[in-house]
Amino acid sequence: MRIGLLTHGGYPYANGDARRWCERLVRGLGQHEFDVYALSRSRRQEDEGRVPLPPHVGRVRTAPLWAAEDDGVVYGRRARRRFAECYGALASAVCAPGAVGGPAEPPAPEADRFGTFADGLYGLAELAREEGGLVGALRSETAVRALERACRAPGAQQAAREARVPDLLAVAAHLERALRPLSLDWYEGDGLGAVDLCHAASGAAALPGLLAGHFHGVPLLVTEYGVHLRSHYLTTGQAPPAVRSLLAAFYGRLAAETYRRAALITPGNTHARRWQERCGADRAKLRTVYPGMDAGPFAEVGEAADGADPDTLVWVGRVEPAKDLVSLLHAFAEVRREEPKARLRIVGAPAGAEGAAYLGHCRTLAAQLFPDEADGPHSVGRNPVSFEEIGGPELPTPADAYASGAVVVLSSVVEGFPVGLVEAMLCGRATVSTDVGAVVEVIGGTGLVVPPRNPRALAEACGTLLRDPERRARLGAAARARALELFTVEQNVAAFHGMYVEIVSHTPVRRVLLDDAGDPLPFAAPAESHVPGRWTVPTARVAARAAARGGPGWVSVGGAGPVSASAPEGVR
């Protein structure tokens, strides 16, 4: 098959979880051809370069969403009127009551619920295809006025009616960025219109797949390990209420349209699945597929005897406010009252400027809570809390970081799929985690779980495991067994391969491939080409019989099965 892999801010450029699972998927499905269509989020991401690509990646096309020059397209009167109608239809759907993020919607037929938004979206896409782009039109006064009319229309939701001019300008600018994929040249010729299947690696990358399906009937598979609408709610907290509500309504409508058009939807956990169902996803289309983790780098630590300091807690991850290290430090202060020998190792680099500031705050708090202590009058004092990064002489790899503690702690207040927790499980470590995101689903009874933002509960759970080495060993062994069963690359790749075959098998043939004689081929690469053994062409007599019956030479003749002069033993 030829797969169009759609990414947003990830593979084949960025480091992080999104890049890793896409890279493992592509390398694990070497029997298919991949074309990668990447929406990049920053110049820095592109300047850092791509990861090495396997030979079956045919092409990589990149569209920078962080900058879009005016396309110079000047619309005529008819095109301007058409743009105003399509943009107005999309804006009306966003401002209408019942859009996700607004009040409950009254019962309505399926066409009424989705038709207006879909008509506006695909109308804009068709206009961009015919006129050569939408960038200038989306930035025009016409777009702002159409949005204002939709907000002031009778029946618009309360937040839309309260939007002021600065709010309308902010929403229009955001919609221009979100709709930039409509102006791309990915949908013609040998682009997305020629692939057998589009696989969106996130909900944010699904828009090109929607257009490939609209223009060419290409089926769409959507994978979400973090729901795009949920991410929007978490990142627009500082915006005015009207802006938050209108953008939430837009992304809610877009998510509903994506789920409606997708052939299958694969949430990465039950937490994401609930969000998708809330946004209108059909349960019959949902298939939970956990991210595939490479267990190899953690095998040595996981299979070795536990040689870690029995009094050490370890936290591993990116340093940012959502990880709530402040609560962890306060919890550790209570642990120290019961276990004076306990130590805490915080291992991780800050995530951006906000993470760097948060790390400085945590260092200051640790110095206040735990003054340097010395073992005797002639020894140098040291703090029981250390801040370290992976890659140094003591912790060269993530596996070494997890192996440095008897108990691994996760203290987050927000979490999607906890990759670090799975890595700790692969290392055979007992864990204490907060009940956020997919943590309970991942742990499955092989670790202790406490409420978030509760330092006392976190301290009690950590102290319990520090005092009970036998329980730590049992939980660590059970955690490793669970991780190997559910969260490996092999199960992830096998699941997606099965869904690729299922989707394509239910999709009408859109392009006919012919053999040398001009007869249609059922597949570009016949199934028998992957079976070990020597396969030959049909004999002249059998081919003549097939031609006499009016069928191509590859069909079964007289119920004898696929024509083959000699098949390997055991295959017939």
Protein backbone atom coordinates (compact mmCIF):
# COMPACT_ATOMS: atom_id res chain seq x y z
CA MET A 1 0.00 0.00 0.00
CA ARG A 2 0.95 3.63 -0.41
CA ILE A 3 0.30 5.49 2.84
CA GLY A 4 0.11 9.28 3.17
CA LEU A 5 1.32 9.95 6.74
CA LEU A 6 0.10 13.35 7.98
CA THR A 7 1.96 14.93 10.91
CA HIS A 8 1.75 18.23 12.80
CA GLY A 9 4.83 19.51 14.58
CA GLY A 10 6.40 16.05 14.76
CA TYR A 11 7.87 13.39 12.47
CA PRO A 12 10.19 13.62 10.61
CA TYR A 13 11.53 16.75 12.33
CA ALA A 14 10.91 17.21 16.04
CA ASN A 15 12.13 15.26 19.01
CA GLY A 16 9.47 13.96 21.33
CA ASP A 17 6.85 11.27 21.71
CA ALA A 18 4.99 12.09 18.47
CA ARG A 19 8.12 11.67 16.39
CA ARG A 20 9.14 8.46 18.11
CA TRP A 21 5.91 6.52 17.61
CA CYS A 22 5.65 7.63 13.97
CA GLU A 23 9.24 6.59 13.33
CA ARG A 24 8.66 3.18 14.91
CA LEU A 25 5.49 2.71 12.88
CA VAL A 26 7.16 3.59 9.58
CA ARG A 27 10.18 1.38 10.23
CA GLY A 28 7.98 -1.48 11.41
CA LEU A 29 5.89 -1.48 8.21
CA GLY A 30 8.64 -1.80 5.62
CA GLN A 31 6.33 -3.68 3.24
CA HIS A 32 4.40 -0.45 2.55
CA GLU A 33 5.44 2.79 0.89
CA PHE A 34 5.09 5.99 2.93
CA ASP A 35 4.79 9.59 1.78
CA VAL A 36 5.14 12.02 4.70
CA TYR A 37 3.22 15.31 4.66
CA ALA A 38 4.40 17.42 7.60
CA LEU A 39 2.86 20.61 8.99
CA SER A 40 5.73 22.32 10.82
CA ARG A 41 5.18 24.72 13.72
CA SER A 42 8.42 26.73 13.76
CA ARG A 43 11.51 27.60 11.73
CA ARG A 44 13.68 26.16 14.49
CA GLN A 45 11.99 22.79 14.08
CA GLU A 46 12.88 22.69 10.38
CA ASP A 47 16.41 24.03 10.91
CA GLU A 48 17.20 21.16 13.29
CA GLY A 49 16.80 18.80 10.34
CA ARG A 50 15.05 15.52 9.74
CA VAL A 51 15.66 12.19 11.36
CA PRO A 52 17.20 9.51 9.08
CA LEU A 53 14.46 8.06 6.90
CA PRO A 54 14.15 4.42 5.78
CA PRO A 55 14.25 3.69 2.04
CA HIS A 56 10.51 2.99 1.74
CA VAL A 57 9.70 6.64 2.57
CA GLY A 58 9.13 7.92 -0.94
CA ARG A 59 8.87 11.66 -0.27
CA VAL A 60 8.61 14.30 2.44
CA ARG A 61 6.63 17.48 1.83
CA THR A 62 6.60 20.22 4.45
CA ALA A 63 4.26 23.17 4.90
CA PRO A 64 5.27 25.83 7.47
CA LEU A 65 2.24 26.86 9.51
CA TRP A 66 4.33 29.40 11.42
CA ALA A 67 4.54 31.72 8.40
CA ALA A 68 2.46 32.22 5.29
CA GLU A 69 3.30 34.88 2.74
CA ASP A 70 0.49 36.56 0.87
CA ASP A 71 -0.16 34.40 -2.17
CA GLY A 72 -0.81 37.43 -4.33
CA VAL A 73 -4.10 35.99 -5.57
CA VAL A 74 -6.61 38.70 -6.47
CA TYR A 75 -10.20 37.53 -6.51
CA GLY A 76 -12.71 38.75 -9.02
CA ARG A 77 -16.19 39.84 -8.03
CA ARG A 78 -17.70 36.37 -8.34
CA ALA A 79 -14.86 34.74 -6.34
CA ARG A 80 -15.16 37.38 -3.59
CA ARG A 81 -18.89 36.76 -3.31
CA ARG A 82 -18.31 33.02 -3.19
CA PHE A 83 -15.66 33.43 -0.50
CA ALA A 84 -18.00 35.55 1.62
CA GLU A 85 -20.73 32.91 1.34
CA CYS A 86 -18.47 29.98 2.26
CA TYR A 87 -16.67 31.79 5.08
CA GLY A 88 -19.98 33.06 6.35
CA ALA A 89 -21.40 29.52 6.43
CA LEU A 90 -18.40 28.30 8.42
CA ALA A 91 -18.61 31.27 10.81
CA SER A 92 -22.35 30.77 11.29
CA ALA A 93 -21.77 27.16 12.33
CA VAL A 94 -19.10 28.27 14.80
CA CYS A 95 -21.34 30.94 16.35
CA ALA A 96 -24.48 28.80 16.46
CA PRO A 97 -25.78 27.41 19.77
CA GLY A 98 -24.77 23.83 20.30
CA ALA A 99 -21.25 24.13 18.94
CA VAL A 100 -18.82 22.30 21.19
CA GLY A 101 -17.90 24.72 23.94
CA GLY A 102 -21.35 26.35 23.92
CA PRO A 103 -24.76 25.46 25.34
CA ALA A 104 -26.43 22.14 24.73
CA GLU A 105 -27.65 21.76 21.18
CA PRO A 106 -31.31 20.97 20.40
CA PRO A 107 -32.08 17.73 18.57
CA ALA A 108 -31.43 18.07 14.85
CA PRO A 109 -30.93 15.80 11.84
CA GLU A 110 -27.35 14.76 11.07
CA ALA A 111 -27.25 16.92 7.95
CA ASP A 112 -28.30 20.02 9.88
CA ARG A 113 -25.75 19.41 12.63
CA PHE A 114 -22.75 19.08 10.32
CA GLY A 115 -23.79 20.28 6.88
CA THR A 116 -23.31 24.03 7.35
CA PHE A 117 -19.80 23.75 8.75
CA ALA A 118 -18.83 21.11 6.20
CA ASP A 119 -20.28 23.10 3.31
CA GLY A 120 -18.32 26.16 4.37
CA LEU A 121 -15.08 24.22 4.89
CA TYR A 122 -15.15 22.30 1.63
CA GLY A 123 -16.48 25.33 -0.25
CA LEU A 124 -13.40 27.26 0.86
CA ALA A 125 -11.18 24.32 -0.17
CA GLU A 126 -12.71 24.19 -3.64
CA LEU A 127 -12.31 27.95 -4.00
CA ALA A 128 -8.64 27.73 -3.03
CA ARG A 129 -8.15 24.92 -5.54
CA GLU A 130 -9.70 26.91 -8.37
CA GLU A 131 -8.28 30.35 -7.58
CA GLY A 132 -4.81 29.35 -6.34
CA GLY A 133 -5.00 30.13 -2.62
CA LEU A 134 -6.90 31.61 0.31
CA VAL A 135 -4.24 33.41 2.35
CA GLY A 136 -5.10 36.92 1.21
CA ALA A 137 -8.85 36.33 1.43
CA LEU A 138 -8.66 34.92 4.96
CA ARG A 139 -6.76 38.04 6.04
CA SER A 140 -9.15 40.44 4.36
CA GLU A 141 -11.75 42.74 5.81
CA THR A 142 -14.37 40.55 4.11
CA ALA A 143 -13.49 37.69 6.46
CA VAL A 144 -13.75 39.87 9.58
CA ARG A 145 -17.09 41.32 8.49
CA ALA A 146 -18.48 37.84 7.74
CA LEU A 147 -17.43 36.73 11.22
CA GLU A 148 -19.01 39.82 12.76
CA ARG A 149 -22.31 39.20 10.94
CA ALA A 150 -22.36 35.61 12.20
CA CYS A 151 -21.77 36.77 15.78
CA ARG A 152 -24.52 39.41 15.60
CA ALA A 153 -27.05 37.14 13.86
CA PRO A 154 -30.24 36.19 15.74
CA GLY A 155 -29.79 32.98 17.67
CA ALA A 156 -26.00 33.20 17.98
CA GLN A 157 -24.56 31.87 21.22
CA GLN A 158 -24.14 34.35 24.08
CA ALA A 159 -20.32 34.44 23.95
CA ALA A 160 -20.42 35.26 20.22
CA ARG A 161 -22.82 38.14 20.75
CA GLU A 162 -20.49 39.61 23.39
CA ALA A 163 -17.41 39.53 21.13
CA ARG A 164 -15.82 42.94 20.58
CA VAL A 165 -13.78 44.11 17.59
CA PRO A 166 -10.41 43.07 19.12
CA ASP A 167 -11.90 39.64 19.85
CA LEU A 168 -13.13 39.30 16.26
CA LEU A 169 -9.70 40.26 14.89
CA ALA A 170 -8.02 37.70 17.16
CA VAL A 171 -10.43 34.91 16.12
CA ALA A 172 -10.10 35.77 12.41
CA ALA A 173 -6.29 35.67 12.67
CA HIS A 174 -6.42 32.28 14.39
CA LEU A 175 -8.81 30.88 11.78
CA GLU A 176 -6.46 32.06 9.03
CA ARG A 177 -3.64 30.03 10.55
CA ALA A 178 -5.82 26.99 11.15
CA LEU A 179 -7.14 27.02 7.55
CA ARG A 180 -3.76 27.39 5.81
CA PRO A 181 -3.76 23.70 4.75
CA LEU A 182 -6.68 24.54 2.42
CA SER A 183 -4.26 26.52 0.22
CA LEU A 184 -1.64 23.77 -0.14
CA ASP A 185 -0.86 22.07 -3.44
CA TRP A 186 -0.79 18.61 -1.89
CA TYR A 187 -4.05 17.37 -3.39
CA GLU A 188 -3.28 17.13 -7.09
CA GLY A 189 -1.15 15.01 -9.43
CA ASP A 190 0.94 12.46 -7.59
CA GLY A 191 0.15 13.88 -4.14
CA LEU A 192 -2.42 12.82 -1.57
CA GLY A 193 -4.90 12.05 -4.31
CA ALA A 194 -2.73 9.12 -5.38
CA VAL A 195 -2.27 7.38 -2.01
CA ASP A 196 -4.30 4.39 -0.88
CA LEU A 197 -4.83 5.68 2.65
CA CYS A 198 -4.23 8.84 4.68
CA HIS A 199 -3.08 8.30 8.26
CA ALA A 200 -3.25 11.44 10.42
CA ALA A 201 -0.83 11.14 13.34
CA SER A 202 -2.90 13.63 15.35
CA GLY A 203 -6.21 15.43 15.13
CA ALA A 204 -4.33 18.63 14.29
CA ALA A 205 -2.93 16.97 11.15
CA ALA A 206 -6.24 15.60 9.88
CA LEU A 207 -7.39 18.56 7.72
CA PRO A 208 -5.30 17.58 4.65
CA GLY A 209 -6.75 14.07 4.99
CA LEU A 210 -10.28 15.49 4.97
CA LEU A 211 -9.53 17.34 1.74
CA ALA A 212 -7.95 14.26 0.12
CA GLY A 213 -11.13 12.38 0.96
CA HIS A 214 -13.34 15.18 -0.34
CA PHE A 215 -11.52 15.61 -3.65
CA HIS A 216 -10.45 12.02 -4.37
CA GLY A 217 -12.26 9.66 -1.99
CA VAL A 218 -9.09 8.67 -0.10
CA PRO A 219 -9.98 6.93 3.20
CA LEU A 220 -8.74 8.51 6.45
CA LEU A 221 -7.40 6.92 9.63
CA VAL A 222 -7.03 9.29 12.61
CA THR A 223 -4.75 8.51 15.56
CA GLU A 224 -4.89 10.68 18.68
CA TYR A 225 -2.75 10.16 21.75
CA GLY A 226 -3.83 13.58 22.96
CA VAL A 227 -7.12 15.11 21.75
CA HIS A 228 -6.60 18.38 19.86
CA LEU A 229 -9.72 20.01 21.33
CA ARG A 230 -8.58 19.20 24.86
CA SER A 231 -5.16 20.70 24.10
CA HIS A 232 -6.88 23.86 22.93
CA TYR A 233 -8.79 24.16 26.21
CA LEU A 234 -5.52 23.85 28.14
CA THR A 235 -3.60 26.46 26.12
CA THR A 236 -6.09 29.33 25.74
CA GLY A 237 -6.64 30.14 29.40
CA GLN A 238 -5.34 33.72 29.07
CA ALA A 239 -7.51 34.67 26.07
CA PRO A 240 -10.73 36.71 26.52
CA PRO A 241 -13.86 34.59 27.13
CA ALA A 242 -15.37 35.34 23.72
CA VAL A 243 -12.18 34.28 21.92
CA ARG A 244 -11.92 31.08 23.95
CA SER A 245 -15.54 30.18 23.28
CA LEU A 246 -15.44 30.84 19.52
CA LEU A 247 -12.17 28.97 19.00
CA ALA A 248 -13.43 26.06 21.09
CA ALA A 249 -16.55 25.97 18.92
CA PHE A 250 -14.44 25.98 15.73
CA TYR A 251 -12.19 23.14 16.88
CA GLY A 252 -15.22 21.25 18.18
CA ARG A 253 -16.93 21.44 14.78
CA LEU A 254 -13.69 20.50 13.01
CA ALA A 255 -13.22 17.50 15.33
CA ALA A 256 -16.80 16.37 14.73
CA GLU A 257 -16.32 16.61 10.96
CA THR A 258 -13.02 14.72 11.19
CA TYR A 259 -14.57 11.91 13.20
CA ARG A 260 -17.56 11.75 10.86
CA ARG A 261 -15.40 11.38 7.76
CA ALA A 262 -12.75 9.06 9.23
CA ALA A 263 -12.92 5.38 8.35
CA LEU A 264 -11.42 4.44 11.73
CA ILE A 265 -10.29 6.41 14.80
CA THR A 266 -7.58 5.11 17.12
CA PRO A 267 -7.38 6.79 20.54
CA GLY A 268 -4.26 6.00 22.51
CA ASN A 269 -6.14 5.40 25.75
CA THR A 270 -9.58 5.45 27.35
CA HIS A 271 -9.12 9.07 28.45
CA ALA A 272 -8.71 10.20 24.83
CA ARG A 273 -11.55 7.89 23.77
CA ARG A 274 -13.99 9.63 26.14
CA TRP A 275 -13.05 13.02 24.68
CA GLN A 276 -13.58 11.70 21.15
CA GLU A 277 -17.02 10.33 22.03
CA ARG A 278 -17.87 13.69 23.60
CA CYS A 279 -16.95 15.36 20.30
CA GLY A 280 -19.25 13.10 18.29
CA ALA A 281 -17.09 10.10 17.33
CA ASP A 282 -19.04 6.95 16.47
CA ARG A 283 -18.16 4.18 18.92
CA ALA A 284 -18.17 1.64 16.08
CA LYS A 285 -15.16 3.44 14.55
CA LEU A 286 -13.06 3.60 17.73
CA ARG A 287 -10.16 1.18 18.24
CA THR A 288 -7.85 1.81 21.18
CA VAL A 289 -4.18 1.37 20.18
CA TYR A 290 -1.56 2.08 22.82
CA PRO A 291 1.68 3.82 21.76
CA GLY A 292 4.42 1.36 20.94
CA MET A 293 7.49 1.64 23.15
CA ASP A 294 10.88 0.17 22.30
CA ALA A 295 11.56 -2.20 25.21
CA GLY A 296 15.15 -2.92 24.14
CA PRO A 297 16.92 -0.02 25.90
CA PHE A 298 15.26 -0.95 29.21
CA ALA A 299 15.72 -4.73 29.01
CA GLU A 300 19.02 -4.88 30.90
CA VAL A 301 17.72 -2.83 33.83
CA GLY A 302 14.36 -4.61 33.86
CA GLU A 303 15.85 -8.09 33.92
CA ALA A 304 18.69 -7.36 36.37
CA ALA A 305 18.43 -7.67 40.12
CA ASP A 306 17.39 -4.46 41.85
CA GLY A 307 20.62 -2.73 42.84
CA ALA A 308 19.25 0.76 43.42
CA ASP A 309 19.58 2.67 46.67
CA PRO A 310 16.56 1.43 48.70
CA ASP A 311 16.05 4.92 50.17
CA THR A 312 15.92 6.87 46.89
CA LEU A 313 12.89 8.24 45.07
CA VAL A 314 13.35 9.31 41.45
CA TRP A 315 11.30 11.55 39.18
CA VAL A 316 12.06 11.60 35.41
CA GLY A 317 10.52 13.89 32.79
CA ARG A 318 10.38 17.38 31.32
CA VAL A 319 10.42 20.12 33.92
CA GLU A 320 7.29 22.28 33.51
CA PRO A 321 4.48 23.52 35.76
CA ALA A 322 2.08 20.72 34.69
CA LYS A 323 4.42 18.19 36.35
CA ASP A 324 3.74 19.79 39.77
CA LEU A 325 7.20 19.32 41.26
CA VAL A 326 6.20 21.76 43.99
CA SER A 327 3.76 19.22 45.43
CA LEU A 328 6.42 16.52 45.06
CA LEU A 329 8.91 18.58 47.09
CA HIS A 330 6.36 19.21 49.85
CA ALA A 331 5.48 15.51 49.86
CA PHE A 332 9.15 14.61 50.16
CA ALA A 333 9.44 16.90 53.18
CA GLU A 334 6.86 14.68 54.93
CA VAL A 335 8.66 11.52 53.78
CA ARG A 336 11.88 12.81 55.37
CA ARG A 337 10.19 13.16 58.73
CA GLU A 338 9.49 9.40 58.74
CA GLU A 339 12.51 8.28 56.69
CA PRO A 340 15.51 10.53 57.48
CA LYS A 341 17.76 8.66 55.00
CA ALA A 342 15.42 9.20 52.05
CA ARG A 343 16.71 11.03 48.99
CA LEU A 344 14.95 12.49 45.94
CA ARG A 345 16.52 12.69 42.48
CA ILE A 346 14.74 14.97 39.98
CA VAL A 347 15.99 14.10 36.50
CA GLY A 348 15.00 16.17 33.50
CA ALA A 349 15.59 19.27 31.41
CA PRO A 350 13.29 22.33 31.42
CA ALA A 351 10.72 22.68 28.63
CA GLY A 352 11.29 26.15 27.16
CA ALA A 353 11.53 29.46 28.99
CA GLU A 354 8.55 28.67 31.21
CA GLY A 355 10.14 25.38 32.23
CA ALA A 356 13.46 27.09 33.00
CA ALA A 357 11.73 29.60 35.28
CA TYR A 358 9.82 26.79 36.97
CA LEU A 359 13.03 24.82 37.51
CA GLY A 360 14.61 27.84 39.20
CA HIS A 361 11.58 28.15 41.48
CA CYS A 362 11.83 24.44 42.41
CA ARG A 363 15.55 24.73 43.19
CA THR A 364 14.84 27.67 45.49
CA LEU A 365 12.02 25.78 47.22
CA ALA A 366 14.23 22.71 47.70
CA ALA A 367 16.96 24.86 49.29
CA GLN A 368 14.39 26.33 51.69
CA LEU A 369 12.77 23.02 52.64
CA PHE A 370 16.00 21.02 52.94
CA PRO A 371 19.07 22.90 54.18
CA ASP A 372 22.34 21.18 53.35
CA GLU A 373 23.02 18.39 55.81
CA ALA A 374 26.35 16.85 56.82
CA ASP A 375 26.91 13.35 58.21
CA GLY A 376 29.52 14.60 60.71
CA PRO A 377 31.39 17.70 61.93
CA HIS A 378 34.18 17.23 59.35
CA SER A 379 32.11 16.30 56.25
CA VAL A 380 30.61 18.55 53.59
CA GLY A 381 26.88 19.04 53.76
CA ARG A 382 24.63 18.15 50.84
CA ASN A 383 20.98 18.56 49.97
CA PRO A 384 18.82 15.39 49.95
CA VAL A 385 17.20 16.68 46.73
CA SER A 386 19.30 16.70 43.56
CA PHE A 387 18.46 18.18 40.15
CA GLU A 388 20.10 16.33 37.26
CA GLU A 389 19.80 15.77 33.51
CA ILE A 390 20.12 12.64 31.42
CA GLY A 391 23.36 12.44 29.48
CA GLY A 392 25.81 13.11 32.31
CA PRO A 393 28.40 10.67 33.65
CA GLU A 394 26.08 9.34 36.38
CA LEU A 395 22.92 9.04 34.24
CA PRO A 396 23.93 8.54 30.61
CA THR A 397 20.57 7.03 29.50
CA PRO A 398 16.92 7.12 30.61
CA ALA A 399 17.24 3.51 31.78
CA ASP A 400 20.05 4.57 34.13
CA ALA A 401 17.83 7.33 35.50
CA TYR A 402 15.00 4.92 36.35
CA ALA A 403 17.48 2.41 37.77
CA SER A 404 18.89 5.02 40.17
CA GLY A 405 15.85 4.88 42.48
CA ALA A 406 13.87 2.24 44.33
CA VAL A 407 10.56 4.00 43.57
CA VAL A 408 9.65 6.11 40.52
CA VAL A 409 7.24 8.99 41.19
CA LEU A 410 4.90 10.82 38.81
CA SER A 411 3.31 13.94 40.32
CA SER A 412 1.60 15.55 37.30
CA VAL A 413 -1.66 17.49 37.38
CA VAL A 414 -2.11 17.14 33.60
CA GLU A 415 -1.04 14.11 31.60
CA GLY A 416 -2.07 12.40 28.39
CA PHE A 417 -0.47 9.02 27.87
CA PRO A 418 2.31 8.77 30.51
CA VAL A 419 5.26 7.58 28.41
CA GLY A 420 7.69 8.00 31.32
CA LEU A 421 5.54 5.76 33.47
CA VAL A 422 5.65 3.00 30.84
CA GLU A 423 9.44 3.33 30.68
CA ALA A 424 9.63 2.92 34.47
CA MET A 425 7.42 -0.17 34.20
CA LEU A 426 9.70 -1.64 31.53
CA CYS A 427 12.57 -1.12 33.98
CA GLY A 428 10.70 -3.17 36.59
CA ARG A 429 10.29 -0.30 39.02
CA ALA A 430 7.49 0.17 41.55
CA THR A 431 5.68 3.46 40.91
CA VAL A 432 3.63 6.08 42.74
CA SER A 433 1.50 8.23 40.42
CA THR A 434 -1.23 10.84 40.49
CA ASP A 435 -4.64 9.96 39.05
CA VAL A 436 -4.55 12.06 35.86
CA GLY A 437 -4.96 11.27 32.18
CA ALA A 438 -4.43 7.61 31.32
CA VAL A 439 -2.36 6.79 34.43
CA VAL A 440 -4.83 4.34 36.00
CA GLU A 441 -5.37 2.61 32.66
CA VAL A 442 -1.61 2.20 32.16
CA ILE A 443 -0.81 1.11 35.71
CA GLY A 444 -3.64 -1.41 35.95
CA GLY A 445 -3.01 -2.29 39.59
CA THR A 446 0.78 -2.63 39.35
CA GLY A 447 1.52 0.60 41.23
CA LEU A 448 0.08 3.03 43.77
CA VAL A 449 -2.15 5.90 42.58
CA VAL A 450 -3.08 9.00 44.61
CA PRO A 451 -5.14 12.15 43.89
CA PRO A 452 -3.29 15.05 42.20
CA ARG A 453 -2.24 18.12 44.22
CA ASN A 454 -2.28 16.08 47.43
CA PRO A 455 1.24 16.09 48.95
CA ARG A 456 0.15 14.16 52.04
CA ALA A 457 -1.29 11.25 50.04
CA LEU A 458 1.77 11.26 47.79
CA ALA A 459 4.06 11.15 50.83
CA GLU A 460 2.18 8.26 52.45
CA ALA A 461 2.33 6.17 49.27
CA CYS A 462 6.06 6.83 48.78
CA GLY A 463 6.84 6.03 52.41
CA THR A 464 4.83 2.81 52.24
CA LEU A 465 6.91 1.47 49.35
CA LEU A 466 10.23 2.66 50.77
CA ARG A 467 9.55 0.64 53.92
CA ASP A 468 8.44 -2.54 52.10
CA PRO A 469 11.10 -3.92 49.69
CA GLU A 470 9.18 -7.16 49.04
CA ARG A 471 6.10 -5.25 47.89
CA ARG A 472 8.29 -3.06 45.70
CA ALA A 473 9.72 -6.15 44.03
CA ARG A 474 6.28 -7.69 43.41
CA LEU A 475 4.85 -4.49 41.96
CA GLY A 476 7.92 -3.91 39.78
CA ALA A 477 7.78 -7.43 38.31
CA ALA A 478 4.06 -7.12 37.62
CA ALA A 479 4.54 -3.69 36.03
CA ARG A 480 7.23 -4.97 33.66
CA ALA A 481 5.08 -7.93 32.61
CA ARG A 482 2.12 -5.62 31.90
CA ALA A 483 4.23 -3.18 29.88
CA LEU A 484 5.70 -5.99 27.75
CA GLU A 485 2.22 -7.32 27.06
CA LEU A 486 0.47 -4.06 26.12
CA PHE A 487 2.87 -1.26 25.25
CA THR A 488 5.53 -2.60 22.87
CA VAL A 489 6.31 -1.58 19.31
CA GLU A 490 5.29 -5.01 18.02
CA GLN A 491 1.68 -4.79 19.20
CA ASN A 492 1.37 -1.23 17.93
CA VAL A 493 2.68 -2.04 14.45
CA ALA A 494 0.57 -5.19 14.15
CA ALA A 495 -2.58 -3.28 15.11
CA PHE A 496 -2.03 -0.54 12.52
CA HIS A 497 -1.11 -3.03 9.79
CA GLY A 498 -4.39 -4.86 10.39
CA MET A 499 -6.36 -1.61 10.20
CA TYR A 500 -4.61 -0.52 7.00
CA VAL A 501 -5.67 -3.78 5.35
CA GLU A 502 -9.20 -3.53 6.75
CA ILE A 503 -9.74 0.04 5.54
CA VAL A 504 -8.35 -0.52 2.05
CA SER A 505 -10.30 -3.76 1.65
CA HIS A 506 -13.55 -1.82 2.19
CA THR A 507 -12.60 1.04 -0.12
CA PRO A 508 -13.65 1.06 -3.79
CA VAL A 509 -10.78 0.81 -6.26
CA ARG A 510 -9.95 4.35 -7.42
CA ARG A 511 -7.04 3.62 -9.79
CA VAL A 512 -6.61 0.55 -11.98
CA LEU A 513 -3.12 -0.94 -12.32
CA LEU A 514 -2.44 -2.97 -15.47
CA ASP A 515 0.05 -5.72 -16.18
CA ASP A 516 2.17 -5.99 -19.33
CA ALA A 517 -0.72 -7.51 -21.26
CA GLY A 518 -3.10 -4.72 -20.29
CA ASP A 519 -5.07 -6.78 -17.78
CA PRO A 520 -5.97 -5.22 -14.40
CA LEU A 521 -3.95 -6.23 -11.37
CA PRO A 522 -5.75 -6.67 -8.01
CA PHE A 523 -2.79 -5.25 -6.06
CA ALA A 524 0.36 -3.42 -7.03
CA ALA A 525 2.41 -6.06 -5.19
CA PRO A 526 0.63 -9.46 -5.36
CA ALA A 527 0.20 -11.27 -2.07
CA GLU A 528 2.32 -14.20 -3.25
CA SER A 529 5.32 -11.89 -3.67
CA HIS A 530 5.66 -11.94 0.13
CA VAL A 531 5.49 -15.76 0.43
CA PRO A 532 8.87 -17.55 0.59
CA GLY A 533 9.49 -19.80 -2.40
CA ARG A 534 9.75 -19.72 -6.20
CA TRP A 535 6.73 -18.42 -8.09
CA THR A 536 6.47 -18.57 -11.88
CA VAL A 537 4.16 -17.16 -14.52
CA PRO A 538 1.08 -19.16 -15.63
CA THR A 539 1.57 -21.69 -18.38
CA ALA A 540 0.35 -20.81 -21.86
CA ARG A 541 -2.36 -23.49 -21.72
CA VAL A 542 -3.82 -22.22 -18.43
CA ALA A 543 -3.60 -18.58 -19.53
CA ALA A 544 -5.43 -19.47 -22.76
CA ARG A 545 -8.21 -21.15 -20.76
CA ALA A 546 -8.58 -18.02 -18.61
CA ALA A 547 -8.70 -15.78 -21.67
CA ALA A 548 -11.35 -18.02 -23.24
CA ARG A 549 -13.52 -17.55 -20.17
CA GLY A 550 -13.24 -13.78 -20.54
CA GLY A 551 -11.18 -13.17 -17.40
CA PRO A 552 -7.65 -11.91 -16.71
CA GLY A 553 -4.82 -14.37 -16.35
CA TRP A 554 -4.49 -14.06 -12.58
CA VAL A 555 -7.99 -15.32 -11.70
CA SER A 556 -8.90 -18.81 -10.50
CA VAL A 557 -9.69 -21.33 -13.25
CA GLY A 558 -12.27 -24.04 -12.67
CA GLY A 559 -12.13 -23.58 -8.90
CA ALA A 560 -8.50 -24.66 -8.83
CA GLY A 561 -7.35 -21.57 -6.91
CA PRO A 562 -4.88 -18.92 -8.07
CA VAL A 563 -3.05 -19.85 -11.24
CA SER A 564 0.54 -20.83 -10.56
CA ALA A 565 2.80 -23.18 -12.45
CA SER A 566 4.69 -24.16 -9.32
CA ALA A 567 3.98 -23.17 -5.73
CA PRO A 568 6.30 -23.89 -2.80
CA GLU A 569 5.54 -26.97 -0.80
CA GLY A 570 2.97 -26.38 1.93
CA VAL A 571 1.45 -23.33 0.22
CA ARG A 572 -0.95 -25.16 -2.12
